[in-house]
Amino acid sequence: MGLDEKGLTLEEAFEKLEETIEKLEAEGITLEDSFKEYKQGMEILKYCSDKIDQVEKKVLKIDGNGEVNEF
């Protein structure tokens, strides 16, 4: 997969993360494959975290005076 998930939505990235977890939980996975899947999962987690940070910066809140401010 690499990190070409730049165009993925968060939902798609979470689906890929679930697929990775399922592979890691498979009984017949080799140690080498488990390291590969773990690394991939960590890359997806970082991507999700970065995306969430971007969204949080765009979220607006309304204060007590009715003014809109960035979160």
C-alpha atoms as a PDB file:
ATOM      1  CA  MET A   1       0.000   0.000   0.000  1.00  0.00           C
ATOM      2  CA  GLY A   2       2.697   2.534   0.862  1.00  0.00           C
ATOM      3  CA  LEU A   3       1.451   5.879   1.927  1.00  0.00           C
ATOM      4  CA  ASP A   4      -0.550   6.728  -1.129  1.00  0.00           C
ATOM      5  CA  GLU A   5      -3.567   7.124   1.117  1.00  0.00           C
ATOM      6  CA  LYS A   6      -3.190  10.901   0.799  1.00  0.00           C
ATOM      7  CA  GLY A   7      -6.449  10.880  -1.144  1.00  0.00           C
ATOM      8  CA  LEU A   8      -8.259   8.606   1.297  1.00  0.00           C
ATOM      9  CA  THR A   9     -11.052   9.764   3.509  1.00  0.00           C
ATOM     10  CA  LEU A  10     -10.764   9.063   7.221  1.00  0.00           C
ATOM     11  CA  GLU A  11     -13.389   6.345   6.831  1.00  0.00           C
ATOM     12  CA  GLU A  12     -11.336   4.625   4.125  1.00  0.00           C
ATOM     13  CA  ALA A  13      -8.173   4.901   6.204  1.00  0.00           C
ATOM     14  CA  PHE A  14      -9.985   3.383   9.211  1.00  0.00           C
ATOM     15  CA  GLU A  15     -11.154   0.509   6.965  1.00  0.00           C
ATOM     16  CA  LYS A  16      -7.550  -0.108   5.895  1.00  0.00           C
ATOM     17  CA  LEU A  17      -6.514  -0.024   9.533  1.00  0.00           C
ATOM     18  CA  GLU A  18      -9.154  -2.640  10.364  1.00  0.00           C
ATOM     19  CA  GLU A  19      -7.903  -4.830   7.514  1.00  0.00           C
ATOM     20  CA  THR A  20      -4.376  -4.521   8.895  1.00  0.00           C
ATOM     21  CA  ILE A  21      -5.550  -5.501  12.376  1.00  0.00           C
ATOM     22  CA  GLU A  22      -7.346  -8.552  10.962  1.00  0.00           C
ATOM     23  CA  LYS A  23      -4.142  -9.624   9.201  1.00  0.00           C
ATOM     24  CA  LEU A  24      -2.170  -9.188  12.419  1.00  0.00           C
ATOM     25  CA  GLU A  25      -4.681 -11.342  14.295  1.00  0.00           C
ATOM     26  CA  ALA A  26      -4.536 -14.156  11.734  1.00  0.00           C
ATOM     27  CA  GLU A  27      -3.145 -17.358  13.233  1.00  0.00           C
ATOM     28  CA  GLY A  28      -0.824 -18.200  10.350  1.00  0.00           C
ATOM     29  CA  ILE A  29       0.919 -14.842  10.031  1.00  0.00           C
ATOM     30  CA  THR A  30       4.694 -15.035   9.992  1.00  0.00           C
ATOM     31  CA  LEU A  31       6.842 -12.856  12.187  1.00  0.00           C
ATOM     32  CA  GLU A  32       8.166 -11.035   9.121  1.00  0.00           C
ATOM     33  CA  ASP A  33       4.656 -10.361   7.827  1.00  0.00           C
ATOM     34  CA  SER A  34       3.503  -9.214  11.259  1.00  0.00           C
ATOM     35  CA  PHE A  35       6.295  -6.621  11.360  1.00  0.00           C
ATOM     36  CA  LYS A  36       5.329  -5.451   7.880  1.00  0.00           C
ATOM     37  CA  GLU A  37       1.648  -5.179   8.818  1.00  0.00           C
ATOM     38  CA  TYR A  38       2.499  -3.431  12.096  1.00  0.00           C
ATOM     39  CA  LYS A  39       4.615  -0.839  10.252  1.00  0.00           C
ATOM     40  CA  GLN A  40       1.823  -0.281   7.745  1.00  0.00           C
ATOM     41  CA  GLY A  41      -0.708   0.074  10.555  1.00  0.00           C
ATOM     42  CA  MET A  42       1.452   2.669  12.280  1.00  0.00           C
ATOM     43  CA  GLU A  43       1.700   4.649   9.023  1.00  0.00           C
ATOM     44  CA  ILE A  44      -2.086   4.571   8.676  1.00  0.00           C
ATOM     45  CA  LEU A  45      -2.500   5.673  12.316  1.00  0.00           C
ATOM     46  CA  LYS A  46      -0.183   8.632  11.692  1.00  0.00           C
ATOM     47  CA  TYR A  47      -2.145   9.538   8.563  1.00  0.00           C
ATOM     48  CA  CYS A  48      -5.417   9.406  10.540  1.00  0.00           C
ATOM     49  CA  SER A  49      -3.945  11.469  13.352  1.00  0.00           C
ATOM     50  CA  ASP A  50      -2.705  14.102  10.896  1.00  0.00           C
ATOM     51  CA  LYS A  51      -6.110  14.229   9.183  1.00  0.00           C
ATOM     52  CA  ILE A  52      -7.910  14.598  12.525  1.00  0.00           C
ATOM     53  CA  ASP A  53      -5.530  17.408  13.510  1.00  0.00           C
ATOM     54  CA  GLN A  54      -6.353  19.194  10.240  1.00  0.00           C
ATOM     55  CA  VAL A  55     -10.076  18.848  10.891  1.00  0.00           C
ATOM     56  CA  GLU A  56      -9.744  20.062  14.491  1.00  0.00           C
ATOM     57  CA  LYS A  57      -7.990  23.197  13.283  1.00  0.00           C
ATOM     58  CA  LYS A  58     -10.917  23.935  10.965  1.00  0.00           C
ATOM     59  CA  VAL A  59     -13.608  23.359  13.557  1.00  0.00           C
ATOM     60  CA  LEU A  60     -15.280  26.545  14.681  1.00  0.00           C
ATOM     61  CA  LYS A  61     -16.961  27.196  17.969  1.00  0.00           C
ATOM     62  CA  ILE A  62     -19.426  29.827  19.072  1.00  0.00           C
ATOM     63  CA  ASP A  63     -18.479  31.608  22.284  1.00  0.00           C
ATOM     64  CA  GLY A  64     -20.800  33.081  24.912  1.00  0.00           C
ATOM     65  CA  ASN A  65     -21.104  36.331  22.939  1.00  0.00           C
ATOM     66  CA  GLY A  66     -22.328  34.532  19.825  1.00  0.00           C
ATOM     67  CA  GLU A  67     -19.027  35.094  18.013  1.00  0.00           C
ATOM     68  CA  VAL A  68     -17.512  32.380  15.867  1.00  0.00           C
ATOM     69  CA  ASN A  69     -13.921  31.463  16.743  1.00  0.00           C
ATOM     70  CA  GLU A  70     -11.562  28.757  15.598  1.00  0.00           C
ATOM     71  CA  PHE A  71     -11.370  25.817  17.991  1.00  0.00           C
END
